């Protein structure tokens, strides 16, 4: 598979959002009924200052096969609010200094179409994405998996992401999530 990975500007990201959301829905096995809401929320997120995005394009088919994007952490964001609320309710479960929530970059999404997985696309996207980030911490959430036995956990651990919180639940998804962090 011949895939190019490129950081893209906000205008390009916004133009690609419908296709990128389709990748997300497929990779996460989420229902198509979420599509319109996710398109809207991703486009709104892209208007935030310092939004960063990376896409992966299959050179043979000229088809998007992956995306990675994020925004600076902010107490006004839904994700930040969920994480802070959880740490307030469960302060002893925080495995890193609470100060990391004061200056971090949220890796909001990283997804690769199932047919393109296993070819290093996620790894390459994450390398390009992280090279753009200057915040001292990068945080992300990923669904919990028994014994961390999936490609996502393997990728994050390979890059040095450590536990921040485990078994966090978010509204809209019944599964528990791990909050992982990478100190840059």
N, C-alpha and C. Protein backbone atom coordinates (compact mmCIF):
# COMPACT_ATOMS: atom_id res chain seq x y z
N UNK A 1 0.85 -1.18 0.00
CA UNK A 1 0.00 0.00 0.00
C UNK A 1 0.89 1.24 0.00
N UNK A 2 0.68 2.12 -0.94
CA UNK A 2 1.46 3.35 -1.06
C UNK A 2 0.63 4.50 -0.52
N UNK A 3 0.95 4.94 0.70
CA UNK A 3 0.16 5.96 1.39
C UNK A 3 1.03 7.18 1.67
N UNK A 4 0.51 8.35 1.37
CA UNK A 4 1.20 9.59 1.74
C UNK A 4 0.50 10.16 2.96
N UNK A 5 1.30 10.68 3.88
CA UNK A 5 0.79 11.29 5.11
C UNK A 5 1.22 12.74 5.11
N UNK A 6 0.25 13.64 5.29
CA UNK A 6 0.51 15.06 5.17
C UNK A 6 -0.23 15.87 6.22
N UNK A 7 0.46 16.83 6.81
CA UNK A 7 -0.22 17.81 7.65
C UNK A 7 -1.01 18.73 6.71
N UNK A 8 -2.23 19.06 7.11
CA UNK A 8 -3.08 19.91 6.26
C UNK A 8 -3.55 21.13 7.03
N UNK A 9 -3.84 22.17 6.27
CA UNK A 9 -4.37 23.40 6.87
C UNK A 9 -5.85 23.22 7.18
N UNK A 10 -6.39 24.20 7.88
CA UNK A 10 -7.78 24.13 8.32
C UNK A 10 -8.75 24.04 7.16
N UNK A 11 -8.51 24.82 6.11
CA UNK A 11 -9.43 24.81 4.96
C UNK A 11 -9.48 23.42 4.32
N UNK A 12 -8.33 22.78 4.16
CA UNK A 12 -8.29 21.44 3.58
C UNK A 12 -8.98 20.44 4.50
N UNK A 13 -8.71 20.54 5.79
CA UNK A 13 -9.35 19.65 6.75
C UNK A 13 -10.87 19.79 6.66
N UNK A 14 -11.37 21.02 6.68
CA UNK A 14 -12.82 21.25 6.64
C UNK A 14 -13.45 20.67 5.37
N UNK A 15 -12.74 20.78 4.26
CA UNK A 15 -13.24 20.24 2.99
C UNK A 15 -13.32 18.71 3.05
N UNK A 16 -12.41 18.10 3.78
CA UNK A 16 -12.35 16.63 3.86
C UNK A 16 -13.18 16.03 4.99
N UNK A 17 -13.72 16.87 5.87
CA UNK A 17 -14.39 16.35 7.07
C UNK A 17 -15.43 15.27 6.78
N UNK A 18 -16.32 15.40 5.80
CA UNK A 18 -17.28 14.31 5.59
C UNK A 18 -16.61 12.95 5.34
N UNK A 19 -15.56 12.93 4.53
CA UNK A 19 -14.84 11.68 4.27
C UNK A 19 -14.11 11.20 5.52
N UNK A 20 -13.55 12.13 6.27
CA UNK A 20 -12.81 11.76 7.48
C UNK A 20 -13.74 11.20 8.54
N UNK A 21 -14.93 11.77 8.65
CA UNK A 21 -15.93 11.24 9.59
C UNK A 21 -16.34 9.82 9.17
N UNK A 22 -16.43 9.59 7.88
CA UNK A 22 -16.76 8.24 7.42
C UNK A 22 -15.67 7.25 7.85
N UNK A 23 -14.40 7.66 7.78
CA UNK A 23 -13.31 6.81 8.25
C UNK A 23 -13.48 6.52 9.74
N UNK A 24 -13.76 7.57 10.50
CA UNK A 24 -13.98 7.46 11.95
C UNK A 24 -15.12 6.49 12.27
N UNK A 25 -16.25 6.65 11.60
CA UNK A 25 -17.40 5.79 11.86
C UNK A 25 -17.08 4.33 11.54
N UNK A 26 -16.38 4.12 10.45
CA UNK A 26 -16.01 2.75 10.06
C UNK A 26 -15.01 2.15 11.04
N UNK A 27 -13.95 2.91 11.34
CA UNK A 27 -12.90 2.40 12.23
C UNK A 27 -13.43 2.11 13.63
N UNK A 28 -14.33 2.95 14.12
CA UNK A 28 -14.86 2.79 15.47
C UNK A 28 -16.12 1.93 15.52
N UNK A 29 -16.61 1.54 14.36
CA UNK A 29 -17.84 0.75 14.26
C UNK A 29 -19.02 1.47 14.92
N UNK A 30 -19.07 2.78 14.67
CA UNK A 30 -20.19 3.59 15.18
C UNK A 30 -21.29 3.63 14.13
N UNK A 31 -22.53 3.85 14.56
CA UNK A 31 -23.64 3.89 13.60
C UNK A 31 -23.58 5.14 12.70
N UNK A 32 -24.03 4.99 11.48
CA UNK A 32 -24.06 6.09 10.51
C UNK A 32 -24.97 7.23 10.98
N UNK A 33 -25.86 6.95 11.91
CA UNK A 33 -26.76 7.99 12.41
C UNK A 33 -26.00 9.11 13.12
N UNK A 34 -24.74 8.87 13.48
CA UNK A 34 -23.92 9.90 14.13
C UNK A 34 -23.24 10.83 13.13
N UNK A 35 -23.31 10.51 11.86
CA UNK A 35 -22.53 11.21 10.84
C UNK A 35 -22.73 12.72 10.84
N UNK A 36 -23.95 13.18 10.74
CA UNK A 36 -24.21 14.63 10.64
C UNK A 36 -23.70 15.36 11.88
N UNK A 37 -23.95 14.80 13.05
CA UNK A 37 -23.48 15.43 14.29
C UNK A 37 -21.96 15.50 14.34
N UNK A 38 -21.29 14.43 13.94
CA UNK A 38 -19.81 14.42 13.98
C UNK A 38 -19.24 15.38 12.93
N UNK A 39 -19.83 15.43 11.76
CA UNK A 39 -19.36 16.39 10.76
C UNK A 39 -19.43 17.79 11.32
N UNK A 40 -20.55 18.12 11.93
CA UNK A 40 -20.72 19.46 12.51
C UNK A 40 -19.69 19.70 13.61
N UNK A 41 -19.55 18.75 14.54
CA UNK A 41 -18.64 18.98 15.67
C UNK A 41 -17.18 19.04 15.21
N UNK A 42 -16.79 18.26 14.21
CA UNK A 42 -15.41 18.32 13.71
C UNK A 42 -15.16 19.66 13.01
N UNK A 43 -16.14 20.14 12.28
CA UNK A 43 -15.96 21.43 11.61
C UNK A 43 -15.88 22.57 12.63
N UNK A 44 -16.69 22.51 13.66
CA UNK A 44 -16.61 23.52 14.72
C UNK A 44 -15.24 23.45 15.40
N UNK A 45 -14.78 22.26 15.73
CA UNK A 45 -13.48 22.11 16.38
C UNK A 45 -12.35 22.68 15.51
N UNK A 46 -12.50 22.57 14.20
CA UNK A 46 -11.44 23.04 13.31
C UNK A 46 -11.31 24.57 13.31
N UNK A 47 -12.29 25.26 13.88
CA UNK A 47 -12.19 26.72 13.95
C UNK A 47 -11.39 27.17 15.17
N UNK A 48 -11.07 26.24 16.06
CA UNK A 48 -10.29 26.60 17.25
C UNK A 48 -8.86 26.96 16.86
N UNK A 49 -8.33 27.94 17.52
CA UNK A 49 -6.96 28.37 17.25
C UNK A 49 -5.98 27.22 17.48
N UNK A 50 -5.05 27.08 16.59
CA UNK A 50 -3.98 26.07 16.65
C UNK A 50 -4.45 24.64 16.40
N UNK A 51 -5.63 24.49 15.78
CA UNK A 51 -6.09 23.16 15.36
C UNK A 51 -5.02 22.56 14.45
N UNK A 52 -4.71 21.29 14.65
CA UNK A 52 -3.71 20.59 13.84
C UNK A 52 -4.35 19.34 13.25
N UNK A 53 -4.02 19.04 11.99
CA UNK A 53 -4.59 17.86 11.35
C UNK A 53 -3.59 17.23 10.39
N UNK A 54 -3.71 15.91 10.29
CA UNK A 54 -2.88 15.11 9.39
C UNK A 54 -3.83 14.14 8.68
N UNK A 55 -3.61 13.95 7.39
CA UNK A 55 -4.42 12.98 6.65
C UNK A 55 -3.51 11.97 5.97
N UNK A 56 -4.08 10.81 5.68
CA UNK A 56 -3.37 9.76 4.95
C UNK A 56 -4.16 9.47 3.68
N UNK A 57 -3.45 9.48 2.56
CA UNK A 57 -4.06 9.29 1.25
C UNK A 57 -3.43 8.09 0.57
N UNK A 58 -4.26 7.15 0.12
CA UNK A 58 -3.78 6.01 -0.66
C UNK A 58 -3.44 6.55 -2.05
N UNK A 59 -2.17 6.51 -2.41
CA UNK A 59 -1.72 7.08 -3.68
C UNK A 59 -2.25 6.31 -4.89
N UNK A 60 -2.53 5.04 -4.72
CA UNK A 60 -3.01 4.23 -5.85
C UNK A 60 -4.47 4.52 -6.18
N UNK A 61 -5.28 4.74 -5.16
CA UNK A 61 -6.72 4.96 -5.39
C UNK A 61 -7.12 6.42 -5.22
N UNK A 62 -6.19 7.24 -4.73
CA UNK A 62 -6.48 8.66 -4.42
C UNK A 62 -7.62 8.78 -3.42
N UNK A 63 -7.66 7.84 -2.47
CA UNK A 63 -8.73 7.79 -1.46
C UNK A 63 -8.14 8.05 -0.09
N UNK A 64 -8.83 8.85 0.71
CA UNK A 64 -8.42 9.08 2.08
C UNK A 64 -8.59 7.78 2.87
N UNK A 65 -7.55 7.43 3.64
CA UNK A 65 -7.60 6.19 4.42
C UNK A 65 -7.35 6.43 5.90
N UNK A 66 -6.99 7.67 6.29
CA UNK A 66 -6.72 7.93 7.69
C UNK A 66 -6.73 9.40 8.02
N UNK A 67 -6.93 9.68 9.30
CA UNK A 67 -6.89 11.06 9.78
C UNK A 67 -6.44 11.09 11.23
N UNK A 68 -5.85 12.20 11.57
CA UNK A 68 -5.39 12.45 12.94
C UNK A 68 -5.52 13.95 13.14
N UNK A 69 -6.20 14.34 14.20
CA UNK A 69 -6.32 15.77 14.45
C UNK A 69 -6.51 16.05 15.92
N UNK A 70 -6.26 17.31 16.28
CA UNK A 70 -6.43 17.70 17.67
C UNK A 70 -6.40 19.20 17.84
N UNK A 71 -6.62 19.59 19.09
CA UNK A 71 -6.70 21.00 19.46
C UNK A 71 -6.02 21.22 20.81
N UNK A 72 -5.59 22.44 21.08
CA UNK A 72 -5.05 22.70 22.42
C UNK A 72 -6.11 22.42 23.48
N UNK A 73 -5.68 21.87 24.59
CA UNK A 73 -6.61 21.62 25.70
C UNK A 73 -7.20 22.92 26.19
N UNK A 74 -8.46 22.88 26.57
CA UNK A 74 -9.15 24.07 27.04
C UNK A 74 -10.24 23.69 28.02
N UNK A 75 -10.31 24.39 29.16
CA UNK A 75 -11.39 24.11 30.11
C UNK A 75 -12.78 24.36 29.55
N UNK A 76 -12.87 25.00 28.39
CA UNK A 76 -14.18 25.24 27.78
C UNK A 76 -14.62 24.09 26.87
N UNK A 77 -13.75 23.09 26.66
CA UNK A 77 -14.12 21.99 25.76
C UNK A 77 -14.86 20.90 26.53
N UNK A 78 -15.69 20.18 25.81
CA UNK A 78 -16.46 19.08 26.38
C UNK A 78 -15.53 18.02 26.93
N UNK A 79 -14.50 17.62 26.16
CA UNK A 79 -13.58 16.57 26.57
C UNK A 79 -12.85 16.96 27.85
N UNK A 80 -12.31 18.17 27.88
CA UNK A 80 -11.61 18.65 29.06
C UNK A 80 -12.54 18.64 30.27
N UNK A 81 -13.75 19.11 30.08
CA UNK A 81 -14.73 19.13 31.18
C UNK A 81 -14.98 17.72 31.71
N UNK A 82 -15.11 16.74 30.83
CA UNK A 82 -15.34 15.36 31.27
C UNK A 82 -14.15 14.84 32.06
N UNK A 83 -12.93 15.09 31.57
CA UNK A 83 -11.74 14.60 32.25
C UNK A 83 -11.57 15.28 33.61
N UNK A 84 -11.75 16.61 33.64
CA UNK A 84 -11.62 17.32 34.92
C UNK A 84 -12.68 16.87 35.92
N UNK A 85 -13.90 16.68 35.45
CA UNK A 85 -14.97 16.21 36.35
C UNK A 85 -14.64 14.84 36.92
N UNK A 86 -14.11 13.97 36.08
CA UNK A 86 -13.75 12.64 36.55
C UNK A 86 -12.64 12.73 37.60
N UNK A 87 -11.62 13.57 37.36
CA UNK A 87 -10.52 13.68 38.32
C UNK A 87 -11.00 14.29 39.63
N UNK A 88 -11.99 15.16 39.58
CA UNK A 88 -12.53 15.73 40.82
C UNK A 88 -13.30 14.67 41.61
N UNK A 89 -14.02 13.80 40.91
CA UNK A 89 -14.78 12.74 41.58
C UNK A 89 -13.88 11.60 42.05
N UNK A 90 -12.75 11.40 41.36
CA UNK A 90 -11.86 10.27 41.65
C UNK A 90 -10.40 10.76 41.70
N UNK A 91 -10.08 11.66 42.62
CA UNK A 91 -8.73 12.26 42.62
C UNK A 91 -7.60 11.27 42.83
N UNK A 92 -7.85 10.18 43.51
CA UNK A 92 -6.77 9.22 43.77
C UNK A 92 -6.46 8.35 42.54
N UNK A 93 -7.29 8.42 41.52
CA UNK A 93 -7.05 7.62 40.32
C UNK A 93 -6.15 8.32 39.30
N UNK A 94 -5.87 9.59 39.50
CA UNK A 94 -5.00 10.34 38.59
C UNK A 94 -3.58 9.82 38.75
N UNK A 95 -2.99 9.34 37.66
CA UNK A 95 -1.68 8.69 37.70
C UNK A 95 -0.53 9.60 37.26
N UNK A 96 -0.85 10.84 36.96
CA UNK A 96 0.15 11.83 36.57
C UNK A 96 -0.18 13.12 37.31
N UNK A 97 0.73 14.08 37.35
CA UNK A 97 0.43 15.33 38.07
C UNK A 97 -0.80 16.04 37.48
N UNK A 98 -1.66 16.52 38.35
CA UNK A 98 -2.87 17.23 37.90
C UNK A 98 -2.52 18.46 37.07
N UNK A 99 -1.33 18.99 37.25
CA UNK A 99 -0.91 20.18 36.51
C UNK A 99 -0.86 19.94 35.01
N UNK A 100 -0.81 18.69 34.57
CA UNK A 100 -0.78 18.43 33.13
C UNK A 100 -2.03 18.95 32.43
N UNK A 101 -3.13 19.09 33.18
CA UNK A 101 -4.37 19.62 32.58
C UNK A 101 -4.31 21.13 32.34
N UNK A 102 -3.26 21.77 32.79
CA UNK A 102 -3.15 23.22 32.60
C UNK A 102 -2.49 23.58 31.27
N UNK A 103 -1.76 22.65 30.66
CA UNK A 103 -1.09 22.95 29.40
C UNK A 103 -0.86 21.65 28.64
N UNK A 104 -1.84 21.30 27.81
CA UNK A 104 -1.73 20.07 27.03
C UNK A 104 -2.38 20.27 25.67
N UNK A 105 -2.09 19.36 24.79
CA UNK A 105 -2.74 19.34 23.47
C UNK A 105 -3.54 18.06 23.41
N UNK A 106 -4.79 18.17 23.03
CA UNK A 106 -5.67 17.01 22.95
C UNK A 106 -5.57 16.37 21.56
N UNK A 107 -5.12 15.15 21.51
CA UNK A 107 -5.18 14.38 20.28
C UNK A 107 -6.62 13.87 20.22
N UNK A 108 -7.45 14.59 19.50
CA UNK A 108 -8.89 14.32 19.51
C UNK A 108 -9.26 13.03 18.80
N UNK A 109 -8.67 12.81 17.65
CA UNK A 109 -9.02 11.63 16.85
C UNK A 109 -7.81 11.15 16.07
N UNK A 110 -7.66 9.84 15.97
CA UNK A 110 -6.73 9.20 15.05
C UNK A 110 -7.39 7.90 14.60
N UNK A 111 -7.60 7.78 13.29
CA UNK A 111 -8.32 6.63 12.75
C UNK A 111 -7.76 6.25 11.39
N UNK A 112 -7.76 4.95 11.13
CA UNK A 112 -7.33 4.40 9.85
C UNK A 112 -8.41 3.41 9.41
N UNK A 113 -8.78 3.47 8.14
CA UNK A 113 -9.74 2.50 7.63
C UNK A 113 -9.22 1.08 7.89
N UNK A 114 -10.09 0.17 8.27
CA UNK A 114 -9.65 -1.20 8.55
C UNK A 114 -8.80 -1.81 7.43
N UNK A 115 -9.15 -1.58 6.18
CA UNK A 115 -8.40 -2.16 5.06
C UNK A 115 -6.97 -1.62 4.97
N UNK A 116 -6.72 -0.45 5.56
CA UNK A 116 -5.39 0.17 5.51
C UNK A 116 -4.61 -0.04 6.81
N UNK A 117 -5.21 -0.68 7.78
CA UNK A 117 -4.53 -0.91 9.05
C UNK A 117 -3.46 -1.98 8.89
N UNK A 118 -2.43 -1.89 9.73
CA UNK A 118 -1.35 -2.86 9.69
C UNK A 118 -0.26 -2.53 8.70
N UNK A 119 -0.31 -1.33 8.13
CA UNK A 119 0.69 -0.91 7.15
C UNK A 119 1.50 0.30 7.63
N UNK A 120 1.41 0.62 8.92
CA UNK A 120 2.18 1.74 9.46
C UNK A 120 1.56 3.11 9.25
N UNK A 121 0.34 3.16 8.77
CA UNK A 121 -0.32 4.44 8.49
C UNK A 121 -0.54 5.23 9.78
N UNK A 122 -1.08 4.58 10.80
CA UNK A 122 -1.31 5.25 12.08
C UNK A 122 -0.02 5.76 12.68
N UNK A 123 1.02 4.95 12.63
CA UNK A 123 2.32 5.34 13.17
C UNK A 123 2.87 6.57 12.45
N UNK A 124 2.79 6.55 11.14
CA UNK A 124 3.29 7.70 10.37
C UNK A 124 2.47 8.96 10.65
N UNK A 125 1.14 8.82 10.72
CA UNK A 125 0.31 9.98 11.03
C UNK A 125 0.65 10.54 12.40
N UNK A 126 0.83 9.66 13.37
CA UNK A 126 1.12 10.11 14.73
C UNK A 126 2.48 10.81 14.78
N UNK A 127 3.47 10.31 14.05
CA UNK A 127 4.78 10.97 14.00
C UNK A 127 4.66 12.39 13.46
N UNK A 128 3.95 12.53 12.35
CA UNK A 128 3.78 13.86 11.74
C UNK A 128 3.00 14.77 12.69
N UNK A 129 1.94 14.25 13.27
CA UNK A 129 1.12 15.05 14.19
C UNK A 129 1.95 15.53 15.37
N UNK A 130 2.65 14.62 16.03
CA UNK A 130 3.41 14.99 17.23
C UNK A 130 4.53 15.97 16.92
N UNK A 131 5.06 15.93 15.71
CA UNK A 131 6.15 16.85 15.35
C UNK A 131 5.67 18.30 15.30
N UNK A 132 4.37 18.51 15.24
CA UNK A 132 3.80 19.86 15.17
C UNK A 132 3.44 20.43 16.54
N UNK A 133 3.44 19.60 17.57
CA UNK A 133 2.91 19.99 18.87
C UNK A 133 4.04 20.49 19.77
N UNK A 134 3.78 21.66 20.41
CA UNK A 134 4.78 22.23 21.32
C UNK A 134 4.35 22.19 22.78
N UNK A 135 3.12 21.79 23.05
CA UNK A 135 2.64 21.70 24.44
C UNK A 135 3.45 20.63 25.17
N UNK A 136 3.60 20.77 26.49
CA UNK A 136 4.40 19.79 27.23
C UNK A 136 3.76 18.40 27.32
N UNK A 137 2.45 18.32 27.16
CA UNK A 137 1.75 17.04 27.22
C UNK A 137 0.81 16.92 26.02
N UNK A 138 0.67 15.70 25.51
CA UNK A 138 -0.37 15.36 24.54
C UNK A 138 -1.23 14.31 25.23
N UNK A 139 -2.54 14.57 25.28
CA UNK A 139 -3.48 13.65 25.92
C UNK A 139 -4.46 13.11 24.89
N UNK A 140 -4.92 11.89 25.12
CA UNK A 140 -5.91 11.27 24.26
C UNK A 140 -6.76 10.31 25.08
N UNK A 141 -7.88 9.92 24.51
CA UNK A 141 -8.70 8.88 25.12
C UNK A 141 -8.86 7.76 24.11
N UNK A 142 -8.86 6.54 24.62
CA UNK A 142 -9.03 5.37 23.76
C UNK A 142 -9.85 4.33 24.52
N UNK A 143 -10.73 3.62 23.83
CA UNK A 143 -11.53 2.61 24.52
C UNK A 143 -10.66 1.59 25.24
N UNK A 144 -11.06 1.25 26.45
CA UNK A 144 -10.37 0.22 27.21
C UNK A 144 -10.53 -1.12 26.50
N UNK A 145 -9.46 -1.89 26.50
CA UNK A 145 -9.46 -3.24 25.93
C UNK A 145 -8.72 -4.14 26.91
N UNK A 146 -9.28 -5.29 27.18
CA UNK A 146 -8.64 -6.20 28.13
C UNK A 146 -7.19 -6.46 27.74
N UNK A 147 -6.31 -6.29 28.70
CA UNK A 147 -4.86 -6.48 28.53
C UNK A 147 -4.27 -5.56 27.45
N UNK A 148 -4.98 -4.49 27.13
CA UNK A 148 -4.52 -3.53 26.11
C UNK A 148 -4.20 -4.23 24.79
N UNK A 149 -4.96 -5.27 24.49
CA UNK A 149 -4.67 -6.14 23.35
C UNK A 149 -5.31 -5.63 22.05
N UNK A 150 -4.85 -4.47 21.59
CA UNK A 150 -5.27 -4.01 20.26
C UNK A 150 -4.18 -3.12 19.67
N UNK A 151 -4.33 -2.79 18.41
CA UNK A 151 -3.32 -2.00 17.70
C UNK A 151 -3.21 -0.58 18.26
N UNK A 152 -4.32 0.00 18.70
CA UNK A 152 -4.29 1.38 19.22
C UNK A 152 -3.39 1.46 20.45
N UNK A 153 -3.63 0.60 21.43
CA UNK A 153 -2.79 0.61 22.64
C UNK A 153 -1.33 0.34 22.28
N UNK A 154 -1.10 -0.59 21.39
CA UNK A 154 0.27 -0.90 20.99
C UNK A 154 0.94 0.34 20.40
N UNK A 155 0.24 1.05 19.53
CA UNK A 155 0.78 2.27 18.92
C UNK A 155 1.10 3.32 19.98
N UNK A 156 0.15 3.57 20.87
CA UNK A 156 0.37 4.61 21.89
C UNK A 156 1.51 4.25 22.83
N UNK A 157 1.59 3.02 23.23
CA UNK A 157 2.68 2.58 24.12
C UNK A 157 4.02 2.67 23.39
N UNK A 158 4.04 2.35 22.11
CA UNK A 158 5.26 2.44 21.31
C UNK A 158 5.81 3.87 21.30
N UNK A 159 4.91 4.85 21.32
CA UNK A 159 5.32 6.25 21.32
C UNK A 159 5.63 6.77 22.72
N UNK A 160 5.34 5.98 23.75
CA UNK A 160 5.64 6.40 25.12
C UNK A 160 4.48 6.99 25.88
N UNK A 161 3.26 6.85 25.38
CA UNK A 161 2.10 7.32 26.12
C UNK A 161 1.95 6.50 27.40
N UNK A 162 1.66 7.19 28.50
CA UNK A 162 1.50 6.56 29.82
C UNK A 162 0.08 6.78 30.32
N UNK A 163 -0.29 6.01 31.32
CA UNK A 163 -1.62 6.15 31.92
C UNK A 163 -1.76 7.48 32.64
N UNK A 164 -2.88 8.15 32.39
CA UNK A 164 -3.27 9.33 33.16
C UNK A 164 -4.47 8.95 34.02
N UNK A 165 -5.48 8.37 33.40
CA UNK A 165 -6.67 7.85 34.08
C UNK A 165 -7.12 6.59 33.35
N UNK A 166 -7.77 5.71 34.05
CA UNK A 166 -8.31 4.51 33.42
C UNK A 166 -9.80 4.39 33.75
N UNK A 167 -10.51 3.73 32.85
CA UNK A 167 -11.94 3.42 33.03
C UNK A 167 -12.81 4.65 33.19
N UNK A 168 -12.55 5.66 32.38
CA UNK A 168 -13.35 6.89 32.37
C UNK A 168 -14.51 6.69 31.39
N UNK A 169 -15.69 7.12 31.78
CA UNK A 169 -16.83 7.04 30.86
C UNK A 169 -17.20 8.44 30.40
N UNK A 170 -17.61 8.51 29.15
CA UNK A 170 -18.05 9.76 28.53
C UNK A 170 -19.51 9.63 28.17
N UNK A 171 -20.24 10.73 28.23
CA UNK A 171 -21.63 10.67 27.80
C UNK A 171 -21.65 10.35 26.31
N UNK A 172 -22.59 9.53 25.90
CA UNK A 172 -22.72 9.18 24.50
C UNK A 172 -22.01 7.88 24.12
N UNK A 173 -21.23 7.31 25.03
CA UNK A 173 -20.55 6.05 24.75
C UNK A 173 -20.48 5.26 26.05
N UNK A 174 -21.05 4.09 26.09
CA UNK A 174 -21.14 3.30 27.32
C UNK A 174 -19.82 2.63 27.70
N UNK A 175 -18.86 2.59 26.76
CA UNK A 175 -17.60 1.90 27.03
C UNK A 175 -16.70 2.72 27.95
N UNK A 176 -15.89 2.05 28.77
CA UNK A 176 -14.87 2.78 29.53
C UNK A 176 -13.68 3.13 28.62
N UNK A 177 -13.05 4.26 28.92
CA UNK A 177 -11.92 4.75 28.14
C UNK A 177 -10.71 4.95 29.04
N UNK A 178 -9.53 4.77 28.45
CA UNK A 178 -8.28 5.12 29.10
C UNK A 178 -7.89 6.51 28.62
N UNK A 179 -7.43 7.34 29.53
CA UNK A 179 -6.84 8.64 29.18
C UNK A 179 -5.33 8.43 29.27
N UNK A 180 -4.66 8.61 28.14
CA UNK A 180 -3.22 8.41 28.08
C UNK A 180 -2.55 9.73 27.79
N UNK A 181 -1.30 9.88 28.22
CA UNK A 181 -0.57 11.11 28.00
C UNK A 181 0.86 10.86 27.59
N UNK A 182 1.36 11.76 26.77
CA UNK A 182 2.76 11.73 26.35
C UNK A 182 3.40 13.04 26.76
N UNK A 183 4.42 12.95 27.59
CA UNK A 183 5.14 14.15 27.99
C UNK A 183 6.21 14.41 26.93
N UNK A 184 6.14 15.60 26.34
CA UNK A 184 7.06 15.93 25.24
C UNK A 184 8.35 16.53 25.75
